[in-house]
C-alpha atoms as a PDB file:
ATOM      1  CA  UNK A   1     204.402 160.612 311.139  1.00  0.00           C
ATOM      2  CA  UNK A   2     207.150 158.673 312.894  1.00  0.00           C
ATOM      3  CA  UNK A   3     210.124 159.532 315.080  1.00  0.00           C
ATOM      4  CA  UNK A   4     212.978 158.243 317.194  1.00  0.00           C
ATOM      5  CA  UNK A   5     213.557 158.552 320.915  1.00  0.00           C
ATOM      6  CA  UNK A   6     217.349 158.418 321.078  1.00  0.00           C
ATOM      7  CA  UNK A   7     220.466 158.931 318.954  1.00  0.00           C
ATOM      8  CA  UNK A   8     221.905 156.193 316.728  1.00  0.00           C
ATOM      9  CA  UNK A   9     225.234 155.977 314.907  1.00  0.00           C
ATOM     10  CA  UNK A  10     226.587 153.730 312.153  1.00  0.00           C
ATOM     11  CA  UNK A  11     229.753 153.814 310.050  1.00  0.00           C
ATOM     12  CA  UNK A  12     230.424 152.491 306.562  1.00  0.00           C
ATOM     13  CA  UNK A  13     233.541 152.626 304.395  1.00  0.00           C
ATOM     14  CA  UNK A  14     233.398 153.066 300.628  1.00  0.00           C
ATOM     15  CA  UNK A  15     236.615 153.220 298.576  1.00  0.00           C
ATOM     16  CA  UNK A  16     238.645 154.294 301.621  1.00  0.00           C
ATOM     17  CA  UNK A  17     236.236 157.113 302.549  1.00  0.00           C
ATOM     18  CA  UNK A  18     234.582 156.820 305.972  1.00  0.00           C
ATOM     19  CA  UNK A  19     230.912 157.781 306.218  1.00  0.00           C
ATOM     20  CA  UNK A  20     229.679 158.123 309.813  1.00  0.00           C
ATOM     21  CA  UNK A  21     225.900 158.498 309.970  1.00  0.00           C
ATOM     22  CA  UNK A  22     224.052 159.840 313.002  1.00  0.00           C
ATOM     23  CA  UNK A  23     220.304 160.074 313.446  1.00  0.00           C
ATOM     24  CA  UNK A  24     219.176 162.334 316.275  1.00  0.00           C
ATOM     25  CA  UNK A  25     215.762 163.318 317.692  1.00  0.00           C
ATOM     26  CA  UNK A  26     215.220 167.094 317.659  1.00  0.00           C
ATOM     27  CA  UNK A  27     212.369 169.334 318.764  1.00  0.00           C
ATOM     28  CA  UNK A  28     213.506 172.830 317.702  1.00  0.00           C
ATOM     29  CA  UNK A  29     215.630 174.343 314.917  1.00  0.00           C
ATOM     30  CA  UNK A  30     218.120 175.408 317.618  1.00  0.00           C
ATOM     31  CA  UNK A  31     218.787 171.692 318.273  1.00  0.00           C
ATOM     32  CA  UNK A  32     220.195 171.374 314.731  1.00  0.00           C
ATOM     33  CA  UNK A  33     222.827 174.078 315.211  1.00  0.00           C
ATOM     34  CA  UNK A  34     223.839 172.742 318.642  1.00  0.00           C
ATOM     35  CA  UNK A  35     224.175 169.167 317.376  1.00  0.00           C
ATOM     36  CA  UNK A  36     226.200 170.227 314.305  1.00  0.00           C
ATOM     37  CA  UNK A  37     228.586 172.196 316.532  1.00  0.00           C
ATOM     38  CA  UNK A  38     228.957 169.175 318.824  1.00  0.00           C
ATOM     39  CA  UNK A  39     229.554 166.795 315.903  1.00  0.00           C
ATOM     40  CA  UNK A  40     232.295 169.049 314.514  1.00  0.00           C
ATOM     41  CA  UNK A  41     234.023 168.889 317.923  1.00  0.00           C
ATOM     42  CA  UNK A  42     233.527 165.113 318.245  1.00  0.00           C
ATOM     43  CA  UNK A  43     234.701 164.409 314.669  1.00  0.00           C
ATOM     44  CA  UNK A  44     237.332 167.053 313.947  1.00  0.00           C
ATOM     45  CA  UNK A  45     238.991 167.340 310.566  1.00  0.00           C
ATOM     46  CA  UNK A  46     236.250 165.638 308.562  1.00  0.00           C
ATOM     47  CA  UNK A  47     235.992 166.656 304.926  1.00  0.00           C
ATOM     48  CA  UNK A  48     232.201 167.134 304.999  1.00  0.00           C
ATOM     49  CA  UNK A  49     229.380 167.344 307.566  1.00  0.00           C
ATOM     50  CA  UNK A  50     226.296 166.836 305.394  1.00  0.00           C
ATOM     51  CA  UNK A  51     222.856 166.790 306.949  1.00  0.00           C
ATOM     52  CA  UNK A  52     219.090 166.971 306.583  1.00  0.00           C
ATOM     53  CA  UNK A  53     216.320 167.530 309.092  1.00  0.00           C
ATOM     54  CA  UNK A  54     212.536 167.516 309.237  1.00  0.00           C
ATOM     55  CA  UNK A  55     210.487 169.416 311.833  1.00  0.00           C
ATOM     56  CA  UNK A  56     206.833 168.965 310.811  1.00  0.00           C
ATOM     57  CA  UNK A  57     206.551 171.068 307.624  1.00  0.00           C
ATOM     58  CA  UNK A  58     210.076 172.514 307.832  1.00  0.00           C
ATOM     59  CA  UNK A  59     212.698 170.575 305.880  1.00  0.00           C
ATOM     60  CA  UNK A  60     216.297 171.559 305.225  1.00  0.00           C
ATOM     61  CA  UNK A  61     219.424 169.896 303.906  1.00  0.00           C
ATOM     62  CA  UNK A  62     223.074 170.756 303.252  1.00  0.00           C
ATOM     63  CA  UNK A  63     225.698 169.261 300.937  1.00  0.00           C
ATOM     64  CA  UNK A  64     228.464 171.018 302.943  1.00  0.00           C
ATOM     65  CA  UNK A  65     230.801 171.302 299.962  1.00  0.00           C
ATOM     66  CA  UNK A  66     229.901 168.061 298.185  1.00  0.00           C
ATOM     67  CA  UNK A  67     228.610 168.531 294.602  1.00  0.00           C
ATOM     68  CA  UNK A  68     225.055 169.930 294.558  1.00  0.00           C
ATOM     69  CA  UNK A  69     222.303 167.443 295.474  1.00  0.00           C
ATOM     70  CA  UNK A  70     224.720 164.521 296.062  1.00  0.00           C
ATOM     71  CA  UNK A  71     224.549 164.476 299.877  1.00  0.00           C
ATOM     72  CA  UNK A  72     221.928 166.603 301.659  1.00  0.00           C
ATOM     73  CA  UNK A  73     219.060 165.835 299.288  1.00  0.00           C
ATOM     74  CA  UNK A  74     219.673 162.049 299.315  1.00  0.00           C
ATOM     75  CA  UNK A  75     219.736 162.161 303.148  1.00  0.00           C
ATOM     76  CA  UNK A  76     216.467 164.128 303.170  1.00  0.00           C
ATOM     77  CA  UNK A  77     214.905 161.692 300.669  1.00  0.00           C
ATOM     78  CA  UNK A  78     215.535 158.769 303.046  1.00  0.00           C
ATOM     79  CA  UNK A  79     213.968 160.649 305.990  1.00  0.00           C
ATOM     80  CA  UNK A  80     210.915 161.537 303.893  1.00  0.00           C
ATOM     81  CA  UNK A  81     210.514 157.984 302.580  1.00  0.00           C
ATOM     82  CA  UNK A  82     210.501 156.715 306.193  1.00  0.00           C
ATOM     83  CA  UNK A  83     207.886 159.393 307.084  1.00  0.00           C
ATOM     84  CA  UNK A  84     210.111 160.706 309.873  1.00  0.00           C
ATOM     85  CA  UNK A  85     209.736 164.031 311.637  1.00  0.00           C
ATOM     86  CA  UNK A  86     211.491 165.751 314.520  1.00  0.00           C
ATOM     87  CA  UNK A  87     214.682 164.146 313.280  1.00  0.00           C
ATOM     88  CA  UNK A  88     218.150 165.237 312.173  1.00  0.00           C
ATOM     89  CA  UNK A  89     220.443 163.016 310.108  1.00  0.00           C
ATOM     90  CA  UNK A  90     224.128 163.938 309.799  1.00  0.00           C
ATOM     91  CA  UNK A  91     226.665 162.082 307.685  1.00  0.00           C
ATOM     92  CA  UNK A  92     230.293 162.888 308.431  1.00  0.00           C
ATOM     93  CA  UNK A  93     232.719 162.064 305.619  1.00  0.00           C
ATOM     94  CA  UNK A  94     236.443 161.561 305.914  1.00  0.00           C
ATOM     95  CA  UNK A  95     237.698 161.557 302.293  1.00  0.00           C
ATOM     96  CA  UNK A  96     239.848 158.531 301.498  1.00  0.00           C
ATOM     97  CA  UNK A  97     241.532 159.812 298.339  1.00  0.00           C
ATOM     98  CA  UNK A  98     239.335 158.083 295.743  1.00  0.00           C
ATOM     99  CA  UNK A  99     236.604 160.159 294.059  1.00  0.00           C
ATOM    100  CA  UNK A 100     233.210 158.455 293.964  1.00  0.00           C
ATOM    101  CA  UNK A 101     231.498 160.559 291.293  1.00  0.00           C
ATOM    102  CA  UNK A 102     228.014 162.044 291.648  1.00  0.00           C
ATOM    103  CA  UNK A 103     226.176 158.711 291.493  1.00  0.00           C
ATOM    104  CA  UNK A 104     228.594 157.113 293.936  1.00  0.00           C
ATOM    105  CA  UNK A 105     228.145 159.966 296.414  1.00  0.00           C
ATOM    106  CA  UNK A 106     224.343 159.751 296.223  1.00  0.00           C
ATOM    107  CA  UNK A 107     224.502 155.992 296.882  1.00  0.00           C
ATOM    108  CA  UNK A 108     227.032 156.400 299.723  1.00  0.00           C
ATOM    109  CA  UNK A 109     225.048 159.071 301.593  1.00  0.00           C
ATOM    110  CA  UNK A 110     221.746 157.250 300.981  1.00  0.00           C
ATOM    111  CA  UNK A 111     223.120 153.910 302.202  1.00  0.00           C
ATOM    112  CA  UNK A 112     224.747 155.453 305.269  1.00  0.00           C
ATOM    113  CA  UNK A 113     221.382 156.854 306.412  1.00  0.00           C
ATOM    114  CA  UNK A 114     219.434 153.700 305.498  1.00  0.00           C
ATOM    115  CA  UNK A 115     221.862 151.585 307.524  1.00  0.00           C
ATOM    116  CA  UNK A 116     221.756 153.797 310.626  1.00  0.00           C
ATOM    117  CA  UNK A 117     217.944 153.745 310.450  1.00  0.00           C
ATOM    118  CA  UNK A 118     218.021 149.931 310.380  1.00  0.00           C
ATOM    119  CA  UNK A 119     219.471 150.110 313.920  1.00  0.00           C
ATOM    120  CA  UNK A 120     216.894 152.645 315.144  1.00  0.00           C
ATOM    121  CA  UNK A 121     213.707 152.004 317.070  1.00  0.00           C
ATOM    122  CA  UNK A 122     211.130 154.037 315.165  1.00  0.00           C
ATOM    123  CA  UNK A 123     207.820 154.918 316.815  1.00  0.00           C
ATOM    124  CA  UNK A 124     204.602 156.574 315.668  1.00  0.00           C
ATOM    125  CA  UNK A 125     204.204 160.180 316.797  1.00  0.00           C
ATOM    126  CA  UNK A 126     201.056 161.944 317.903  1.00  0.00           C
ATOM    127  CA  UNK A 127     199.896 165.233 319.271  1.00  0.00           C
ATOM    128  CA  UNK A 128     200.416 165.601 323.011  1.00  0.00           C
ATOM    129  CA  UNK A 129     200.105 168.494 325.394  1.00  0.00           C
ATOM    130  CA  UNK A 130     203.020 169.697 327.497  1.00  0.00           C
ATOM    131  CA  UNK A 131     201.442 170.180 330.912  1.00  0.00           C
ATOM    132  CA  UNK A 132     202.107 170.713 334.603  1.00  0.00           C
ATOM    133  CA  UNK A 133     199.863 168.906 337.057  1.00  0.00           C
ATOM    134  CA  UNK A 134     199.738 169.444 340.803  1.00  0.00           C
ATOM    135  CA  UNK A 135     197.959 167.302 343.366  1.00  0.00           C
ATOM    136  CA  UNK A 136     198.214 166.079 346.944  1.00  0.00           C
ATOM    137  CA  UNK A 137     200.521 163.224 347.945  1.00  0.00           C
ATOM    138  CA  UNK A 138     197.632 160.842 348.588  1.00  0.00           C
ATOM    139  CA  UNK A 139     196.503 161.091 344.940  1.00  0.00           C
ATOM    140  CA  UNK A 140     199.927 160.281 343.447  1.00  0.00           C
ATOM    141  CA  UNK A 141     199.521 156.497 343.073  1.00  0.00           C
ATOM    142  CA  UNK A 142     196.031 156.843 341.638  1.00  0.00           C
ATOM    143  CA  UNK A 143     197.296 159.467 339.176  1.00  0.00           C
ATOM    144  CA  UNK A 144     200.181 157.237 338.030  1.00  0.00           C
ATOM    145  CA  UNK A 145     197.837 154.289 337.547  1.00  0.00           C
ATOM    146  CA  UNK A 146     195.091 156.258 335.791  1.00  0.00           C
ATOM    147  CA  UNK A 147     197.472 158.219 333.524  1.00  0.00           C
ATOM    148  CA  UNK A 148     200.195 155.638 332.907  1.00  0.00           C
ATOM    149  CA  UNK A 149     200.896 157.122 329.467  1.00  0.00           C
ATOM    150  CA  UNK A 150     201.892 160.460 331.056  1.00  0.00           C
ATOM    151  CA  UNK A 151     205.478 161.094 329.903  1.00  0.00           C
ATOM    152  CA  UNK A 152     207.057 162.619 333.017  1.00  0.00           C
ATOM    153  CA  UNK A 153     210.050 164.917 332.464  1.00  0.00           C
ATOM    154  CA  UNK A 154     210.192 166.471 335.930  1.00  0.00           C
ATOM    155  CA  UNK A 155     208.835 165.759 339.433  1.00  0.00           C
ATOM    156  CA  UNK A 156     208.796 168.190 342.349  1.00  0.00           C
ATOM    157  CA  UNK A 157     207.805 167.270 345.895  1.00  0.00           C
ATOM    158  CA  UNK A 158     207.026 170.228 348.174  1.00  0.00           C
ATOM    159  CA  UNK A 159     203.740 170.830 350.029  1.00  0.00           C
ATOM    160  CA  UNK A 160     202.111 169.228 346.994  1.00  0.00           C
ATOM    161  CA  UNK A 161     203.335 167.032 344.128  1.00  0.00           C
ATOM    162  CA  UNK A 162     204.054 168.644 340.753  1.00  0.00           C
ATOM    163  CA  UNK A 163     204.663 166.639 337.591  1.00  0.00           C
ATOM    164  CA  UNK A 164     205.662 168.193 334.304  1.00  0.00           C
ATOM    165  CA  UNK A 165     205.461 166.230 331.090  1.00  0.00           C
ATOM    166  CA  UNK A 166     203.415 165.200 328.086  1.00  0.00           C
ATOM    167  CA  UNK A 167     199.990 163.605 327.871  1.00  0.00           C
ATOM    168  CA  UNK A 168     197.861 162.520 324.909  1.00  0.00           C
ATOM    169  CA  UNK A 169     195.358 165.168 323.964  1.00  0.00           C
ATOM    170  CA  UNK A 170     192.350 162.875 324.410  1.00  0.00           C
ATOM    171  CA  UNK A 171     193.332 162.102 328.040  1.00  0.00           C
ATOM    172  CA  UNK A 172     193.548 165.789 328.947  1.00  0.00           C
ATOM    173  CA  UNK A 173     189.732 166.088 329.016  1.00  0.00           C
ATOM    174  CA  UNK A 174     189.343 163.479 331.760  1.00  0.00           C
ATOM    175  CA  UNK A 175     192.279 164.960 333.668  1.00  0.00           C
ATOM    176  CA  UNK A 176     190.651 168.409 333.609  1.00  0.00           C
ATOM    177  CA  UNK A 177     187.550 166.893 335.255  1.00  0.00           C
ATOM    178  CA  UNK A 178     189.559 165.626 338.252  1.00  0.00           C
ATOM    179  CA  UNK A 179     188.627 167.869 341.218  1.00  0.00           C
ATOM    180  CA  UNK A 180     191.815 167.241 343.193  1.00  0.00           C
ATOM    181  CA  UNK A 181     194.205 167.991 340.294  1.00  0.00           C
ATOM    182  CA  UNK A 182     195.288 171.376 338.986  1.00  0.00           C
ATOM    183  CA  UNK A 183     196.355 171.334 335.319  1.00  0.00           C
ATOM    184  CA  UNK A 184     198.410 173.998 333.560  1.00  0.00           C
ATOM    185  CA  UNK A 185     198.662 173.503 329.785  1.00  0.00           C
ATOM    186  CA  UNK A 186     201.963 174.840 328.454  1.00  0.00           C
ATOM    187  CA  UNK A 187     201.900 173.910 324.732  1.00  0.00           C
ATOM    188  CA  UNK A 188     200.835 171.329 322.171  1.00  0.00           C
ATOM    189  CA  UNK A 189     203.519 169.373 320.368  1.00  0.00           C
ATOM    190  CA  UNK A 190     204.188 166.066 318.636  1.00  0.00           C
ATOM    191  CA  UNK A 191     205.860 163.359 320.718  1.00  0.00           C
ATOM    192  CA  UNK A 192     206.617 159.637 320.498  1.00  0.00           C
ATOM    193  CA  UNK A 193     203.631 157.341 321.123  1.00  0.00           C
ATOM    194  CA  UNK A 194     204.494 153.982 322.658  1.00  0.00           C
ATOM    195  CA  UNK A 195     201.110 152.602 323.749  1.00  0.00           C
END
C-alpha cells in the first residue's frame, strides 16, 4: 500500500478541452465531500468533476455526467495500478467544443491522472497508532532522539509536555515500558512511512 503526503495538480489540454487533475491525501470519507465542494468553488463552471478514491477496502468513483465508465473507472484503475490508498483523484473538465468519443475520454482521464502522479512523491504506508504521550520537560530531548519517527501533530507545554501524533506499532511496545512516560492510545490507522 502506498500514499501521498500532500496535494498535487496538473493540467492537460486535449482538443480544446481542459483536464485539471488533482490528487489529494484523505483519511475519511468526509474528506471526499469537503474536497469536492472546495474544488467546485475553486473551479466554477466546469462541465464535469469526475473522481475516484480509495480508503483501504472502500473504493468509489463517479463519471459526473460523462458516458458510463469513461471517467471515474479509468481514474480508479490508475489509483489501483499504483497501489494507492487514502487518496482522492479529481479530474475537472472544461469542455472545449470537440467531442472525444468514449475511447478518447478514457485516454484523457487516464492520462490526466497518470501525469499528476508523475509529479507526486509517493511513499509506502504502514500501520501506526494515533497516541498521546505525556512526560516531564527533562525527558523531552531523550524522547525526541529515541522516537525520531514519531509523527507529531500537536505539542502542549503546561506542567508537563504532551505530544499527540502517530508512531509505528512496533515502537509502541518499548514506549509503553518507559516509566516516566504516560501513553494514551487513541486509534490504529495507516499513515505514510518515510524511514
